[in-house]
C-alpha cells in the first residue's frame, strides 16, 4: 500500500493497553513489557478510529493486540503520519509498524519484515451510475483519477503515466478524501487497495469495484537489524495462523471473508 519516505511527523500518541501474560519482554521491546506499534490511524478497514474518535479499531489493530498477547506483552498504538512512519521506527519511536505496509525489495533493503500476514491487490472504484465504461486501467484515459499520495496506488498510476496513459491525477494525503471527492463528482475514479475498496463498498451502494489486479502482501515492518523482534513476531504470527485467530480476525473485519489463508499457501 504505502510508500517509504524520510520526512518525520507524529500526529498523536494513543495508548491502548491490553492484559497480557506475566512474561518479561527481556529487552526485546523499547518499553519493558509493551509492544509499541506505529500506524497511520486513518485507513479503514485496516486501521481507523471508532465512533468515539479515540479508540483505534480495524484489522491491523486487532492483529497488533493478538501479537502482543501471544508475546506476553501489552500493546500501545502510536498514531503517526504516514510520511514519517519509517523514520520513526528507525529512530525507535516505536518497535514496529503494523499499518498495511506492502513488502517490496526497496523496503526489505531498508527494514526488517515479518512473514506476510495478508494479501492485497489494487482496485479501481467507480460510482455505480458512472457514465464511463472502465474495465481496466487503460480505460482511465482522459479521466480524473484520485489516489492516496506516496502509496502503491501512487506508484502504479505514475507508472501508467510514464507509459503514456493520459489522465488527470488527484493526490490526497488520506484515502478517505478520495472517496469523498468521488461521491461529490469531483473525480471520476479511484485507484486504491482492494481491502480498502471492500470497506467502502460494504458501507454504501454508491460505489462499485470495476477492476482489480497487481497482487501484493502486507507485513510487520521493523528497524533494520532488529532480528530478535522479527523472530519473535514471526513465531507469534505462526501461532495466530495455526490456532485460527487470523482467520477469525479476517472474518470479523471483512464480513465473513477469508483474506488471510491464501498468504500462507
Protein backbone atom coordinates (compact mmCIF):
# COMPACT_ATOMS: atom_id res chain seq x y z
CA UNK A 1 0.00 0.00 0.00
CA UNK A 2 2.20 2.72 1.36
CA UNK A 3 5.48 4.13 0.16
CA UNK A 4 8.70 4.86 2.09
CA UNK A 5 9.72 8.46 2.84
CA UNK A 6 12.16 10.25 5.15
CA UNK A 7 10.03 13.10 6.50
CA UNK A 8 9.04 12.55 10.15
CA UNK A 9 5.85 13.73 11.78
CA UNK A 10 4.00 12.15 14.68
CA UNK A 11 0.46 13.47 14.96
CA UNK A 12 -0.60 11.83 18.21
CA UNK A 13 0.12 9.03 20.64
CA UNK A 14 -2.77 6.79 21.59
CA UNK A 15 -2.19 4.18 24.26
CA UNK A 16 -4.37 1.10 24.14
CA UNK A 17 -3.38 -1.33 26.85
CA UNK A 18 -4.32 -4.95 26.79
CA UNK A 19 -3.84 -7.55 29.50
CA UNK A 20 -1.04 -9.96 28.59
CA UNK A 21 0.82 -12.76 30.29
CA UNK A 22 3.37 -12.13 33.02
CA UNK A 23 6.28 -12.93 30.73
CA UNK A 24 9.04 -10.28 30.71
CA UNK A 25 9.95 -8.82 27.32
CA UNK A 26 13.63 -9.17 28.34
CA UNK A 27 14.82 -6.15 26.39
CA UNK A 28 13.00 -7.27 23.26
CA UNK A 29 10.98 -4.06 23.10
CA UNK A 30 11.76 -0.38 23.69
CA UNK A 31 9.42 -0.13 26.66
CA UNK A 32 9.62 -3.06 29.06
CA UNK A 33 6.54 -5.27 28.80
CA UNK A 34 4.95 -3.26 25.97
CA UNK A 35 4.87 -3.71 22.20
CA UNK A 36 4.74 -0.20 20.74
CA UNK A 37 3.07 -0.26 17.32
CA UNK A 38 3.23 2.63 14.86
CA UNK A 39 0.32 3.08 12.46
CA UNK A 40 -1.47 5.78 10.50
CA UNK A 41 -4.94 5.52 12.03
CA UNK A 42 -7.00 6.66 9.07
CA UNK A 43 -7.12 3.77 6.62
CA UNK A 44 -10.36 1.80 7.06
CA UNK A 45 -10.87 -1.10 7.44
CA UNK A 46 -7.24 -1.73 8.36
CA UNK A 47 -6.77 0.99 10.98
CA UNK A 48 -9.17 3.79 11.87
CA UNK A 49 -10.98 5.41 14.79
CA UNK A 50 -14.20 4.09 16.28
CA UNK A 51 -17.19 6.38 16.52
CA UNK A 52 -15.90 7.75 19.83
CA UNK A 53 -12.99 9.32 17.95
CA UNK A 54 -10.33 8.00 20.32
CA UNK A 55 -10.39 4.19 20.09
CA UNK A 56 -8.40 2.65 17.20
CA UNK A 57 -10.07 -0.32 15.51
CA UNK A 58 -9.59 -2.38 12.34
CA UNK A 59 -7.70 -5.39 11.06
CA UNK A 60 -4.19 -4.17 11.90
CA UNK A 61 -5.33 -3.04 15.35
CA UNK A 62 -6.76 -6.50 16.09
CA UNK A 63 -3.57 -8.07 14.75
CA UNK A 64 -1.38 -5.85 16.94
CA UNK A 65 -3.37 -6.81 20.04
CA UNK A 66 -3.22 -10.51 19.18
CA UNK A 67 0.53 -10.42 18.50
CA UNK A 68 1.23 -8.65 21.79
CA UNK A 69 -0.87 -11.16 23.71
CA UNK A 70 0.97 -14.10 22.11
CA UNK A 71 4.27 -12.44 23.07
CA UNK A 72 3.14 -11.86 26.66
CA UNK A 73 3.11 -8.09 26.26
CA UNK A 74 0.74 -5.17 26.48
CA UNK A 75 0.24 -3.11 23.33
CA UNK A 76 0.48 0.62 22.70
CA UNK A 77 -0.57 2.14 19.37
CA UNK A 78 1.26 5.27 18.22
CA UNK A 79 -0.74 7.24 15.64
CA UNK A 80 1.83 8.52 13.17
CA UNK A 81 1.61 10.46 9.91
CA UNK A 82 2.43 8.15 7.02
CA UNK A 83 5.15 10.39 5.65
CA UNK A 84 7.12 9.99 8.87
CA UNK A 85 6.35 6.46 9.92
CA UNK A 86 9.50 4.75 8.57
CA UNK A 87 11.79 7.39 10.01
CA UNK A 88 10.00 6.97 13.33
CA UNK A 89 10.61 3.21 13.56
CA UNK A 90 14.25 3.78 12.60
CA UNK A 91 14.70 6.25 15.46
CA UNK A 92 13.00 3.93 17.97
CA UNK A 93 9.80 5.91 18.47
CA UNK A 94 8.10 2.51 18.48
CA UNK A 95 9.03 -1.14 17.97
CA UNK A 96 7.29 -1.92 14.71
CA UNK A 97 4.85 -0.69 12.07
CA UNK A 98 1.59 -2.56 11.54
CA UNK A 99 -0.14 -0.30 9.04
CA UNK A 100 -0.85 -2.01 5.72
CA UNK A 101 2.82 -1.92 4.74
CA UNK A 102 3.48 -3.63 1.42
CA UNK A 103 6.56 -5.85 1.38
CA UNK A 104 8.80 -4.91 -1.54
CA UNK A 105 12.54 -5.14 -2.32
CA UNK A 106 13.28 -1.47 -1.56
CA UNK A 107 11.67 -1.67 1.86
CA UNK A 108 13.28 -5.02 2.63
CA UNK A 109 16.68 -3.46 1.92
CA UNK A 110 16.00 -0.71 4.45
CA UNK A 111 13.98 -2.56 7.12
CA UNK A 112 13.28 -5.94 8.66
CA UNK A 113 9.94 -7.54 7.80
CA UNK A 114 7.90 -10.32 9.28
CA UNK A 115 6.36 -13.05 7.22
CA UNK A 116 3.36 -11.71 5.26
CA UNK A 117 0.04 -11.74 7.07
CA UNK A 118 -2.49 -10.80 4.36
CA UNK A 119 -2.67 -10.48 0.58
CA UNK A 120 -3.92 -7.43 -1.26
CA UNK A 121 -4.43 -6.19 -4.79
CA UNK A 122 -5.13 -2.80 -6.30
CA UNK A 123 -8.64 -1.86 -7.36
CA UNK A 124 -10.40 0.77 -9.44
CA UNK A 125 -13.54 2.11 -7.76
CA UNK A 126 -16.25 3.99 -9.67
CA UNK A 127 -19.75 5.25 -8.93
CA UNK A 128 -22.33 2.68 -10.00
CA UNK A 129 -24.05 5.38 -12.02
CA UNK A 130 -20.89 6.48 -13.80
CA UNK A 131 -21.24 7.34 -17.48
CA UNK A 132 -17.74 5.96 -18.12
CA UNK A 133 -17.12 2.33 -19.05
CA UNK A 134 -13.95 1.37 -17.18
CA UNK A 135 -12.92 -2.27 -17.05
CA UNK A 136 -9.13 -1.94 -16.93
CA UNK A 137 -6.51 0.74 -16.13
CA UNK A 138 -6.15 1.70 -19.81
CA UNK A 139 -9.79 2.80 -19.75
CA UNK A 140 -8.83 5.60 -17.33
CA UNK A 141 -7.53 7.56 -20.32
CA UNK A 142 -8.82 11.12 -20.10
CA UNK A 143 -10.42 10.70 -16.66
CA UNK A 144 -9.74 12.30 -13.29
CA UNK A 145 -8.24 9.65 -11.01
CA UNK A 146 -7.88 10.02 -7.24
CA UNK A 147 -5.44 8.07 -5.07
CA UNK A 148 -3.54 8.45 -1.81
CA UNK A 149 -0.14 10.03 -2.33
CA UNK A 150 3.06 8.07 -1.66
CA UNK A 151 1.32 4.71 -1.81
CA UNK A 152 1.38 1.70 -4.11
CA UNK A 153 -1.57 3.25 -5.94
CA UNK A 154 0.50 6.39 -6.49
CA UNK A 155 3.39 4.30 -7.83
CA UNK A 156 1.05 2.36 -10.11
CA UNK A 157 -0.60 5.44 -11.59
CA UNK A 158 2.76 7.17 -12.00
CA UNK A 159 3.98 4.11 -13.89
CA UNK A 160 0.97 4.23 -16.21
CA UNK A 161 1.59 7.91 -16.88
CA UNK A 162 5.21 7.18 -17.74
CA UNK A 163 3.98 4.58 -20.23
CA UNK A 164 1.79 7.15 -21.95
CA UNK A 165 -1.59 6.93 -20.24
CA UNK A 166 -3.07 10.43 -20.09
CA UNK A 167 -5.30 11.19 -17.12
CA UNK A 168 -5.71 13.93 -14.54
CA UNK A 169 -4.18 12.88 -11.20
CA UNK A 170 -5.74 13.91 -7.90
CA UNK A 171 -3.47 13.06 -4.98
CA UNK A 172 -4.72 13.16 -1.38
CA UNK A 173 -2.95 12.53 1.91
CA UNK A 174 -5.84 10.39 3.24
CA UNK A 175 -7.66 7.71 1.28
CA UNK A 176 -11.00 8.78 2.76
CA UNK A 177 -10.72 12.08 0.89
CA UNK A 178 -10.58 10.17 -2.40
CA UNK A 179 -13.95 8.58 -1.69
CA UNK A 180 -15.41 11.91 -0.54
CA UNK A 181 -14.36 13.52 -3.82
CA UNK A 182 -15.73 10.66 -5.90
CA UNK A 183 -19.07 10.88 -4.15
CA UNK A 184 -19.15 14.65 -4.81
CA UNK A 185 -18.36 14.11 -8.50
CA UNK A 186 -15.06 15.96 -8.40
CA UNK A 187 -13.12 12.94 -9.67
CA UNK A 188 -14.14 10.12 -12.00
CA UNK A 189 -12.40 7.11 -10.43
CA UNK A 190 -10.22 5.96 -7.55
CA UNK A 191 -7.18 3.68 -7.57
CA UNK A 192 -6.80 2.11 -4.13
CA UNK A 193 -6.17 -1.10 -2.20
CA UNK A 194 -8.81 -3.76 -2.70
CA UNK A 195 -9.05 -4.20 1.08
CA UNK A 196 -9.99 -0.54 1.41
CA UNK A 197 -12.40 -0.75 -1.51
CA UNK A 198 -14.22 -3.63 0.22
CA UNK A 199 -14.86 -1.39 3.22
CA UNK A 200 -16.45 1.40 1.21
CA UNK A 201 -18.48 -0.99 -0.92
CA UNK A 202 -19.85 -2.54 2.27
CA UNK A 203 -20.78 0.86 3.66
CA UNK A 204 -22.55 2.24 0.60
CA UNK A 205 -24.17 1.04 -2.62
CA UNK A 206 -22.93 4.20 -4.33
CA UNK A 207 -19.56 2.63 -5.21
CA UNK A 208 -18.51 -0.42 -7.19
CA UNK A 209 -15.21 -2.16 -7.94
CA UNK A 210 -14.68 -2.34 -11.69
CA UNK A 211 -11.15 -3.81 -11.80
CA UNK A 212 -8.60 -5.43 -9.53
CA UNK A 213 -5.06 -6.62 -10.08
CA UNK A 214 -1.44 -6.39 -9.00
CA UNK A 215 -1.02 -8.83 -6.11
CA UNK A 216 0.98 -7.72 -3.06
CA UNK A 217 1.49 -8.78 0.55
CA UNK A 218 1.48 -6.85 3.84
CA UNK A 219 3.96 -7.48 6.65
CA UNK A 220 5.04 -6.10 10.01
CA UNK A 221 7.91 -3.64 9.46
CA UNK A 222 10.78 -3.19 11.94
CA UNK A 223 14.08 -1.37 12.24
CA UNK A 224 16.83 -2.92 10.11
CA UNK A 225 18.84 -5.40 12.14
CA UNK A 226 16.19 -5.93 14.81
CA UNK A 227 16.37 -9.67 14.26
CA UNK A 228 15.29 -10.73 17.74
CA UNK A 229 11.97 -8.89 17.48
CA UNK A 230 11.49 -10.10 13.91
CA UNK A 231 11.92 -13.71 15.04
CA UNK A 232 9.53 -13.23 17.96
CA UNK A 233 6.84 -11.64 15.78
CA UNK A 234 7.19 -14.37 13.15
CA UNK A 235 6.73 -17.01 15.86
CA UNK A 236 3.65 -15.23 17.20
CA UNK A 237 2.23 -14.86 13.67
CA UNK A 238 2.70 -18.57 13.02
CA UNK A 239 0.79 -19.34 16.20
CA UNK A 240 -2.03 -16.94 15.27
CA UNK A 241 -2.42 -18.67 11.91
CA UNK A 242 -2.22 -22.14 13.45
CA UNK A 243 -4.82 -21.52 16.17
CA UNK A 244 -7.31 -19.84 13.83
CA UNK A 245 -7.01 -16.33 15.26
CA UNK A 246 -6.01 -14.78 11.92
CA UNK A 247 -8.98 -16.37 10.19
CA UNK A 248 -11.28 -15.13 12.95
CA UNK A 249 -9.98 -11.55 12.62
CA UNK A 250 -10.39 -11.66 8.84
CA UNK A 251 -13.98 -12.85 9.06
CA UNK A 252 -14.84 -10.25 11.71
CA UNK A 253 -13.39 -7.34 9.73
CA UNK A 254 -14.26 -8.45 6.19
CA UNK A 255 -17.83 -9.71 6.63
CA UNK A 256 -17.04 -13.41 6.76
CA UNK A 257 -14.34 -13.44 4.07
CA UNK A 258 -11.07 -15.34 4.45
CA UNK A 259 -8.40 -12.97 3.13
CA UNK A 260 -5.51 -14.38 5.17
CA UNK A 261 -5.25 -18.10 4.39
CA UNK A 262 -4.02 -17.56 0.79
CA UNK A 263 -0.90 -15.76 2.04
CA UNK A 264 0.27 -18.99 3.71
CA UNK A 265 -0.27 -21.26 0.72
